[in-house]
């Protein structure tokens, strides 16, 4: 379930089902990995993930976004990650 990753962008490296949700493992441009949980919600699909700074143990950002479709949610996650990490967007 591997996808090619564009330089400077996050890319999906695997996925699984967990308690009724889709969980994708995402490789970040800096080599770290995060898990993104996709679940149905009343207005579409919710994606949630946690980001932490490698030098700040115990401090993290938990982010949740909502999109109309699963495809939209998956496409939006790399942009949200880049924004939260302070990476310029295309």
PDB file of N, CA and C in Angstrom:
ATOM      1  N   UNK A   1       0.812  -1.186   0.000  1.00  0.00           N
ATOM      2  CA  UNK A   1       0.000   0.000   0.000  1.00  0.00           C
ATOM      3  C   UNK A   1       0.858   1.252   0.000  1.00  0.00           C
ATOM      4  N   UNK A   2       1.911   1.227  -0.709  1.00  0.00           N
ATOM      5  CA  UNK A   2       2.858   2.332  -0.722  1.00  0.00           C
ATOM      6  C   UNK A   2       2.556   3.282  -1.866  1.00  0.00           C
ATOM      7  N   UNK A   3       2.780   4.574  -1.648  1.00  0.00           N
ATOM      8  CA  UNK A   3       2.617   5.589  -2.677  1.00  0.00           C
ATOM      9  C   UNK A   3       3.917   6.361  -2.816  1.00  0.00           C
ATOM     10  N   UNK A   4       4.169   6.825  -4.018  1.00  0.00           N
ATOM     11  CA  UNK A   4       5.338   7.682  -4.212  1.00  0.00           C
ATOM     12  C   UNK A   4       5.123   8.987  -3.472  1.00  0.00           C
ATOM     13  N   UNK A   5       6.175   9.497  -2.914  1.00  0.00           N
ATOM     14  CA  UNK A   5       6.089  10.736  -2.131  1.00  0.00           C
ATOM     15  C   UNK A   5       6.796  11.846  -2.893  1.00  0.00           C
ATOM     16  N   UNK A   6       6.100  12.954  -3.127  1.00  0.00           N
ATOM     17  CA  UNK A   6       6.716  14.097  -3.783  1.00  0.00           C
ATOM     18  C   UNK A   6       7.704  14.750  -2.827  1.00  0.00           C
ATOM     19  N   UNK A   7       8.839  15.202  -3.305  1.00  0.00           N
ATOM     20  CA  UNK A   7       9.813  15.843  -2.418  1.00  0.00           C
ATOM     21  C   UNK A   7       9.172  17.005  -1.654  1.00  0.00           C
ATOM     22  N   UNK A   8       9.421  17.043  -0.352  1.00  0.00           N
ATOM     23  CA  UNK A   8       8.906  18.120   0.466  1.00  0.00           C
ATOM     24  C   UNK A   8       7.469  17.947   0.914  1.00  0.00           C
ATOM     25  N   UNK A   9       6.844  16.847   0.548  1.00  0.00           N
ATOM     26  CA  UNK A   9       5.455  16.609   0.907  1.00  0.00           C
ATOM     27  C   UNK A   9       5.348  15.337   1.752  1.00  0.00           C
ATOM     28  N   UNK A  10       4.256  15.265   2.518  1.00  0.00           N
ATOM     29  CA  UNK A  10       3.958  14.050   3.269  1.00  0.00           C
ATOM     30  C   UNK A  10       3.393  13.022   2.301  1.00  0.00           C
ATOM     31  N   UNK A  11       3.628  11.743   2.564  1.00  0.00           N
ATOM     32  CA  UNK A  11       3.116  10.692   1.696  1.00  0.00           C
ATOM     33  C   UNK A  11       2.648   9.491   2.489  1.00  0.00           C
ATOM     34  N   UNK A  12       1.587   8.852   2.013  1.00  0.00           N
ATOM     35  CA  UNK A  12       1.031   7.693   2.686  1.00  0.00           C
ATOM     36  C   UNK A  12       1.930   6.492   2.463  1.00  0.00           C
ATOM     37  N   UNK A  13       2.256   5.784   3.540  1.00  0.00           N
ATOM     38  CA  UNK A  13       3.113   4.609   3.426  1.00  0.00           C
ATOM     39  C   UNK A  13       2.407   3.325   3.839  1.00  0.00           C
ATOM     40  N   UNK A  14       1.205   3.409   4.360  1.00  0.00           N
ATOM     41  CA  UNK A  14       0.467   2.222   4.747  1.00  0.00           C
ATOM     42  C   UNK A  14      -0.848   2.597   5.374  1.00  0.00           C
ATOM     43  N   UNK A  15      -1.705   1.603   5.540  1.00  0.00           N
ATOM     44  CA  UNK A  15      -3.000   1.856   6.145  1.00  0.00           C
ATOM     45  C   UNK A  15      -3.597   0.580   6.717  1.00  0.00           C
ATOM     46  N   UNK A  16      -4.599   0.773   7.576  1.00  0.00           N
ATOM     47  CA  UNK A  16      -5.265  -0.372   8.199  1.00  0.00           C
ATOM     48  C   UNK A  16      -6.636   0.070   8.695  1.00  0.00           C
ATOM     49  N   UNK A  17      -7.466  -0.895   9.038  1.00  0.00           N
ATOM     50  CA  UNK A  17      -8.748  -0.626   9.677  1.00  0.00           C
ATOM     51  C   UNK A  17      -8.582  -0.813  11.173  1.00  0.00           C
ATOM     52  N   UNK A  18      -9.197   0.085  11.948  1.00  0.00           N
ATOM     53  CA  UNK A  18      -9.104   0.002  13.401  1.00  0.00           C
ATOM     54  C   UNK A  18     -10.414   0.485  14.014  1.00  0.00           C
ATOM     55  N   UNK A  19     -11.170  -0.414  14.592  1.00  0.00           N
ATOM     56  CA  UNK A  19     -12.424  -0.083  15.281  1.00  0.00           C
ATOM     57  C   UNK A  19     -13.350   0.778  14.420  1.00  0.00           C
ATOM     58  N   UNK A  20     -13.524   0.402  13.165  1.00  0.00           N
ATOM     59  CA  UNK A  20     -14.425   1.118  12.284  1.00  0.00           C
ATOM     60  C   UNK A  20     -13.844   2.351  11.623  1.00  0.00           C
ATOM     61  N   UNK A  21     -12.592   2.643  11.863  1.00  0.00           N
ATOM     62  CA  UNK A  21     -11.930   3.802  11.253  1.00  0.00           C
ATOM     63  C   UNK A  21     -10.820   3.322  10.318  1.00  0.00           C
ATOM     64  N   UNK A  22     -10.480   4.175   9.377  1.00  0.00           N
ATOM     65  CA  UNK A  22      -9.335   3.930   8.498  1.00  0.00           C
ATOM     66  C   UNK A  22      -8.160   4.684   9.098  1.00  0.00           C
ATOM     67  N   UNK A  23      -7.054   4.003   9.296  1.00  0.00           N
ATOM     68  CA  UNK A  23      -5.859   4.629   9.856  1.00  0.00           C
ATOM     69  C   UNK A  23      -4.747   4.528   8.823  1.00  0.00           C
ATOM     70  N   UNK A  24      -4.276   5.686   8.362  1.00  0.00           N
ATOM     71  CA  UNK A  24      -3.172   5.742   7.402  1.00  0.00           C
ATOM     72  C   UNK A  24      -1.900   6.155   8.124  1.00  0.00           C
ATOM     73  N   UNK A  25      -0.803   5.530   7.774  1.00  0.00           N
ATOM     74  CA  UNK A  25       0.511   5.931   8.271  1.00  0.00           C
ATOM     75  C   UNK A  25       1.124   6.843   7.215  1.00  0.00           C
ATOM     76  N   UNK A  26       1.535   8.043   7.650  1.00  0.00           N
ATOM     77  CA  UNK A  26       2.041   9.075   6.747  1.00  0.00           C
ATOM     78  C   UNK A  26       3.512   9.339   7.051  1.00  0.00           C
ATOM     79  N   UNK A  27       4.342   9.352   5.997  1.00  0.00           N
ATOM     80  CA  UNK A  27       5.753   9.719   6.140  1.00  0.00           C
ATOM     81  C   UNK A  27       5.873  11.219   5.910  1.00  0.00           C
ATOM     82  N   UNK A  28       6.454  11.917   6.873  1.00  0.00           N
ATOM     83  CA  UNK A  28       6.666  13.359   6.758  1.00  0.00           C
ATOM     84  C   UNK A  28       7.986  13.632   6.051  1.00  0.00           C
ATOM     85  N   UNK A  29       8.130  14.815   5.458  1.00  0.00           N
ATOM     86  CA  UNK A  29       9.363  15.138   4.725  1.00  0.00           C
ATOM     87  C   UNK A  29      10.632  15.017   5.568  1.00  0.00           C
ATOM     88  N   UNK A  30      10.515  15.189   6.899  1.00  0.00           N
ATOM     89  CA  UNK A  30      11.702  15.101   7.757  1.00  0.00           C
ATOM     90  C   UNK A  30      12.001  13.674   8.211  1.00  0.00           C
ATOM     91  N   UNK A  31      11.252  12.694   7.693  1.00  0.00           N
ATOM     92  CA  UNK A  31      11.504  11.294   8.017  1.00  0.00           C
ATOM     93  C   UNK A  31      10.648  10.728   9.138  1.00  0.00           C
ATOM     94  N   UNK A  32       9.958  11.593   9.881  1.00  0.00           N
ATOM     95  CA  UNK A  32       9.067  11.097  10.929  1.00  0.00           C
ATOM     96  C   UNK A  32       7.804  10.517  10.309  1.00  0.00           C
ATOM     97  N   UNK A  33       7.083   9.701  11.078  1.00  0.00           N
ATOM     98  CA  UNK A  33       5.813   9.131  10.647  1.00  0.00           C
ATOM     99  C   UNK A  33       4.724   9.537  11.629  1.00  0.00           C
ATOM    100  N   UNK A  34       3.526   9.771  11.102  1.00  0.00           N
ATOM    101  CA  UNK A  34       2.369  10.007  11.949  1.00  0.00           C
ATOM    102  C   UNK A  34       1.248   9.081  11.491  1.00  0.00           C
ATOM    103  N   UNK A  35       0.312   8.814  12.369  1.00  0.00           N
ATOM    104  CA  UNK A  35      -0.884   8.058  12.030  1.00  0.00           C
ATOM    105  C   UNK A  35      -2.046   9.034  11.938  1.00  0.00           C
ATOM    106  N   UNK A  36      -2.827   8.892  10.864  1.00  0.00           N
ATOM    107  CA  UNK A  36      -4.007   9.734  10.661  1.00  0.00           C
ATOM    108  C   UNK A  36      -5.225   8.831  10.696  1.00  0.00           C
ATOM    109  N   UNK A  37      -6.190   9.194  11.532  1.00  0.00           N
ATOM    110  CA  UNK A  37      -7.400   8.398  11.714  1.00  0.00           C
ATOM    111  C   UNK A  37      -8.550   9.076  10.964  1.00  0.00           C
ATOM    112  N   UNK A  38      -9.166   8.349  10.025  1.00  0.00           N
ATOM    113  CA  UNK A  38     -10.295   8.842   9.239  1.00  0.00           C
ATOM    114  C   UNK A  38     -11.561   8.139   9.712  1.00  0.00           C
ATOM    115  N   UNK A  39     -12.569   8.948  10.072  1.00  0.00           N
ATOM    116  CA  UNK A  39     -13.833   8.395  10.541  1.00  0.00           C
ATOM    117  C   UNK A  39     -14.989   9.167   9.927  1.00  0.00           C
ATOM    118  N   UNK A  40     -16.107   8.469   9.725  1.00  0.00           N
ATOM    119  CA  UNK A  40     -17.323   9.136   9.261  1.00  0.00           C
ATOM    120  C   UNK A  40     -17.824  10.053  10.364  1.00  0.00           C
ATOM    121  N   UNK A  41     -18.385  11.184   9.970  1.00  0.00           N
ATOM    122  CA  UNK A  41     -19.006  12.109  10.915  1.00  0.00           C
ATOM    123  C   UNK A  41     -20.272  12.652  10.260  1.00  0.00           C
ATOM    124  N   UNK A  42     -21.090  13.393  10.986  1.00  0.00           N
ATOM    125  CA  UNK A  42     -22.364  13.852  10.421  1.00  0.00           C
ATOM    126  C   UNK A  42     -22.249  14.673   9.126  1.00  0.00           C
ATOM    127  N   UNK A  43     -21.135  15.348   8.901  1.00  0.00           N
ATOM    128  CA  UNK A  43     -21.005  16.178   7.699  1.00  0.00           C
ATOM    129  C   UNK A  43     -20.029  15.607   6.671  1.00  0.00           C
ATOM    130  N   UNK A  44     -19.543  14.408   6.865  1.00  0.00           N
ATOM    131  CA  UNK A  44     -18.629  13.798   5.898  1.00  0.00           C
ATOM    132  C   UNK A  44     -17.613  12.907   6.562  1.00  0.00           C
ATOM    133  N   UNK A  45     -16.337  13.269   6.399  1.00  0.00           N
ATOM    134  CA  UNK A  45     -15.223  12.498   6.952  1.00  0.00           C
ATOM    135  C   UNK A  45     -14.350  13.386   7.828  1.00  0.00           C
ATOM    136  N   UNK A  46     -13.974  12.858   8.968  1.00  0.00           N
ATOM    137  CA  UNK A  46     -13.091  13.557   9.905  1.00  0.00           C
ATOM    138  C   UNK A  46     -11.717  12.888   9.878  1.00  0.00           C
ATOM    139  N   UNK A  47     -10.682  13.692   9.792  1.00  0.00           N
ATOM    140  CA  UNK A  47      -9.307  13.202   9.875  1.00  0.00           C
ATOM    141  C   UNK A  47      -8.683  13.805  11.129  1.00  0.00           C
ATOM    142  N   UNK A  48      -8.048  12.980  11.934  1.00  0.00           N
ATOM    143  CA  UNK A  48      -7.381  13.501  13.126  1.00  0.00           C
ATOM    144  C   UNK A  48      -5.979  12.914  13.221  1.00  0.00           C
ATOM    145  N   UNK A  49      -5.067  13.752  13.702  1.00  0.00           N
ATOM    146  CA  UNK A  49      -3.680  13.317  13.846  1.00  0.00           C
ATOM    147  C   UNK A  49      -3.000  14.162  14.902  1.00  0.00           C
ATOM    148  N   UNK A  50      -1.845  13.695  15.334  1.00  0.00           N
ATOM    149  CA  UNK A  50      -1.061  14.373  16.361  1.00  0.00           C
ATOM    150  C   UNK A  50       0.331  14.648  15.824  1.00  0.00           C
ATOM    151  N   UNK A  51       0.811  15.873  16.042  1.00  0.00           N
ATOM    152  CA  UNK A  51       2.177  16.257  15.662  1.00  0.00           C
ATOM    153  C   UNK A  51       2.929  16.682  16.910  1.00  0.00           C
ATOM    154  N   UNK A  52       4.162  16.256  16.995  1.00  0.00           N
ATOM    155  CA  UNK A  52       4.999  16.710  18.103  1.00  0.00           C
ATOM    156  C   UNK A  52       6.356  17.127  17.555  1.00  0.00           C
ATOM    157  N   UNK A  53       7.013  18.005  18.286  1.00  0.00           N
ATOM    158  CA  UNK A  53       8.343  18.450  17.889  1.00  0.00           C
ATOM    159  C   UNK A  53       9.352  17.455  18.452  1.00  0.00           C
ATOM    160  N   UNK A  54      10.341  17.043  17.652  1.00  0.00           N
ATOM    161  CA  UNK A  54      11.298  16.044  18.133  1.00  0.00           C
ATOM    162  C   UNK A  54      12.086  16.486  19.368  1.00  0.00           C
ATOM    163  N   UNK A  55      12.209  17.799  19.601  1.00  0.00           N
ATOM    164  CA  UNK A  55      12.969  18.298  20.749  1.00  0.00           C
ATOM    165  C   UNK A  55      12.098  18.649  21.952  1.00  0.00           C
ATOM    166  N   UNK A  56      10.768  18.453  21.834  1.00  0.00           N
ATOM    167  CA  UNK A  56       9.864  18.839  22.922  1.00  0.00           C
ATOM    168  C   UNK A  56       9.043  17.637  23.360  1.00  0.00           C
ATOM    169  N   UNK A  57       9.600  16.840  24.259  1.00  0.00           N
ATOM    170  CA  UNK A  57       8.875  15.683  24.765  1.00  0.00           C
ATOM    171  C   UNK A  57       7.641  16.135  25.532  1.00  0.00           C
ATOM    172  N   UNK A  58       6.555  15.452  25.300  1.00  0.00           N
ATOM    173  CA  UNK A  58       5.343  15.725  26.049  1.00  0.00           C
ATOM    174  C   UNK A  58       4.513  16.887  25.538  1.00  0.00           C
ATOM    175  N   UNK A  59       4.936  17.543  24.462  1.00  0.00           N
ATOM    176  CA  UNK A  59       4.160  18.643  23.891  1.00  0.00           C
ATOM    177  C   UNK A  59       3.758  18.243  22.477  1.00  0.00           C
ATOM    178  N   UNK A  60       2.446  18.311  22.191  1.00  0.00           N
ATOM    179  CA  UNK A  60       1.968  17.907  20.872  1.00  0.00           C
ATOM    180  C   UNK A  60       0.781  18.762  20.452  1.00  0.00           C
ATOM    181  N   UNK A  61       0.561  18.814  19.162  1.00  0.00           N
ATOM    182  CA  UNK A  61      -0.628  19.433  18.582  1.00  0.00           C
ATOM    183  C   UNK A  61      -1.507  18.287  18.118  1.00  0.00           C
ATOM    184  N   UNK A  62      -2.755  18.295  18.553  1.00  0.00           N
ATOM    185  CA  UNK A  62      -3.736  17.332  18.053  1.00  0.00           C
ATOM    186  C   UNK A  62      -4.651  18.118  17.132  1.00  0.00           C
ATOM    187  N   UNK A  63      -4.720  17.694  15.875  1.00  0.00           N
ATOM    188  CA  UNK A  63      -5.473  18.441  14.868  1.00  0.00           C
ATOM    189  C   UNK A  63      -6.583  17.568  14.306  1.00  0.00           C
ATOM    190  N   UNK A  64      -7.719  18.190  14.049  1.00  0.00           N
ATOM    191  CA  UNK A  64      -8.852  17.491  13.446  1.00  0.00           C
ATOM    192  C   UNK A  64      -9.392  18.358  12.321  1.00  0.00           C
ATOM    193  N   UNK A  65      -9.646  17.743  11.177  1.00  0.00           N
ATOM    194  CA  UNK A  65     -10.252  18.459  10.063  1.00  0.00           C
ATOM    195  C   UNK A  65     -11.416  17.648   9.532  1.00  0.00           C
ATOM    196  N   UNK A  66     -12.355  18.322   8.896  1.00  0.00           N
ATOM    197  CA  UNK A  66     -13.541  17.660   8.357  1.00  0.00           C
ATOM    198  C   UNK A  66     -13.676  18.021   6.887  1.00  0.00           C
ATOM    199  N   UNK A  67     -13.939  17.005   6.053  1.00  0.00           N
ATOM    200  CA  UNK A  67     -14.145  17.187   4.620  1.00  0.00           C
ATOM    201  C   UNK A  67     -15.379  16.406   4.196  1.00  0.00           C
ATOM    202  N   UNK A  68     -15.910  16.757   3.031  1.00  0.00           N
ATOM    203  CA  UNK A  68     -17.114  16.081   2.547  1.00  0.00           C
ATOM    204  C   UNK A  68     -16.873  14.627   2.172  1.00  0.00           C
ATOM    205  N   UNK A  69     -15.688  14.317   1.623  1.00  0.00           N
ATOM    206  CA  UNK A  69     -15.409  12.949   1.181  1.00  0.00           C
ATOM    207  C   UNK A  69     -14.101  12.450   1.798  1.00  0.00           C
ATOM    208  N   UNK A  70     -13.936  11.139   1.795  1.00  0.00           N
ATOM    209  CA  UNK A  70     -12.689  10.545   2.277  1.00  0.00           C
ATOM    210  C   UNK A  70     -11.517  11.011   1.409  1.00  0.00           C
ATOM    211  N   UNK A  71     -11.732  11.066   0.102  1.00  0.00           N
ATOM    212  CA  UNK A  71     -10.660  11.518  -0.807  1.00  0.00           C
ATOM    213  C   UNK A  71     -10.242  12.957  -0.485  1.00  0.00           C
ATOM    214  N   UNK A  72     -11.215  13.823  -0.221  1.00  0.00           N
ATOM    215  CA  UNK A  72     -10.894  15.207   0.141  1.00  0.00           C
ATOM    216  C   UNK A  72     -10.129  15.269   1.458  1.00  0.00           C
ATOM    217  N   UNK A  73     -10.546  14.468   2.430  1.00  0.00           N
ATOM    218  CA  UNK A  73      -9.858  14.449   3.728  1.00  0.00           C
ATOM    219  C   UNK A  73      -8.418  13.991   3.555  1.00  0.00           C
ATOM    220  N   UNK A  74      -8.226  12.915   2.786  1.00  0.00           N
ATOM    221  CA  UNK A  74      -6.861  12.416   2.553  1.00  0.00           C
ATOM    222  C   UNK A  74      -6.012  13.442   1.826  1.00  0.00           C
ATOM    223  N   UNK A  75      -6.592  14.156   0.869  1.00  0.00           N
ATOM    224  CA  UNK A  75      -5.833  15.152   0.107  1.00  0.00           C
ATOM    225  C   UNK A  75      -5.490  16.372   0.954  1.00  0.00           C
ATOM    226  N   UNK A  76      -6.303  16.677   1.952  1.00  0.00           N
ATOM    227  CA  UNK A  76      -6.104  17.864   2.780  1.00  0.00           C
ATOM    228  C   UNK A  76      -5.071  17.656   3.879  1.00  0.00           C
ATOM    229  N   UNK A  77      -4.916  16.432   4.347  1.00  0.00           N
ATOM    230  CA  UNK A  77      -4.006  16.163   5.465  1.00  0.00           C
ATOM    231  C   UNK A  77      -2.578  16.632   5.197  1.00  0.00           C
ATOM    232  N   UNK A  78      -1.952  16.328   4.055  1.00  0.00           N
ATOM    233  CA  UNK A  78      -0.570  16.804   3.847  1.00  0.00           C
ATOM    234  C   UNK A  78      -0.443  18.321   3.918  1.00  0.00           C
ATOM    235  N   UNK A  79      -1.449  19.050   3.442  1.00  0.00           N
ATOM    236  CA  UNK A  79      -1.412  20.516   3.507  1.00  0.00           C
ATOM    237  C   UNK A  79      -1.543  20.992   4.951  1.00  0.00           C
ATOM    238  N   UNK A  80      -2.406  20.344   5.722  1.00  0.00           N
ATOM    239  CA  UNK A  80      -2.556  20.711   7.139  1.00  0.00           C
ATOM    240  C   UNK A  80      -1.267  20.444   7.899  1.00  0.00           C
ATOM    241  N   UNK A  81      -0.628  19.308   7.629  1.00  0.00           N
ATOM    242  CA  UNK A  81       0.636  18.977   8.286  1.00  0.00           C
ATOM    243  C   UNK A  81       1.697  20.019   7.928  1.00  0.00           C
ATOM    244  N   UNK A  82       1.809  20.345   6.645  1.00  0.00           N
ATOM    245  CA  UNK A  82       2.800  21.336   6.205  1.00  0.00           C
ATOM    246  C   UNK A  82       2.551  22.681   6.873  1.00  0.00           C
ATOM    247  N   UNK A  83       1.297  23.078   6.954  1.00  0.00           N
ATOM    248  CA  UNK A  83       0.957  24.352   7.596  1.00  0.00           C
ATOM    249  C   UNK A  83       1.349  24.341   9.073  1.00  0.00           C
ATOM    250  N   UNK A  84       1.009  23.263   9.760  1.00  0.00           N
ATOM    251  CA  UNK A  84       1.311  23.187  11.200  1.00  0.00           C
ATOM    252  C   UNK A  84       2.805  23.114  11.466  1.00  0.00           C
ATOM    253  N   UNK A  85       3.557  22.541  10.522  1.00  0.00           N
ATOM    254  CA  UNK A  85       5.015  22.462  10.682  1.00  0.00           C
ATOM    255  C   UNK A  85       5.709  23.737  10.203  1.00  0.00           C
ATOM    256  N   UNK A  86       4.943  24.658   9.626  1.00  0.00           N
ATOM    257  CA  UNK A  86       5.531  25.911   9.168  1.00  0.00           C
ATOM    258  C   UNK A  86       6.176  25.825   7.802  1.00  0.00           C
ATOM    259  N   UNK A  87       5.839  24.794   7.027  1.00  0.00           N
ATOM    260  CA  UNK A  87       6.392  24.613   5.690  1.00  0.00           C
ATOM    261  C   UNK A  87       5.589  25.448   4.695  1.00  0.00           C
ATOM    262  N   UNK A  88       6.247  26.194   3.817  1.00  0.00           N
ATOM    263  CA  UNK A  88       5.506  26.955   2.796  1.00  0.00           C
ATOM    264  C   UNK A  88       4.646  26.014   1.941  1.00  0.00           C
ATOM    265  N   UNK A  89       3.430  26.428   1.629  1.00  0.00           N
ATOM    266  CA  UNK A  89       2.518  25.639   0.811  1.00  0.00           C
ATOM    267  C   UNK A  89       2.680  25.986  -0.652  1.00  0.00           C
ATOM    268  N   UNK A  90       2.400  25.022  -1.523  1.00  0.00           N
ATOM    269  CA  UNK A  90       2.458  25.252  -2.975  1.00  0.00           C
ATOM    270  C   UNK A  90       1.359  26.205  -3.403  1.00  0.00           C
TER     271      UNK A  90
END
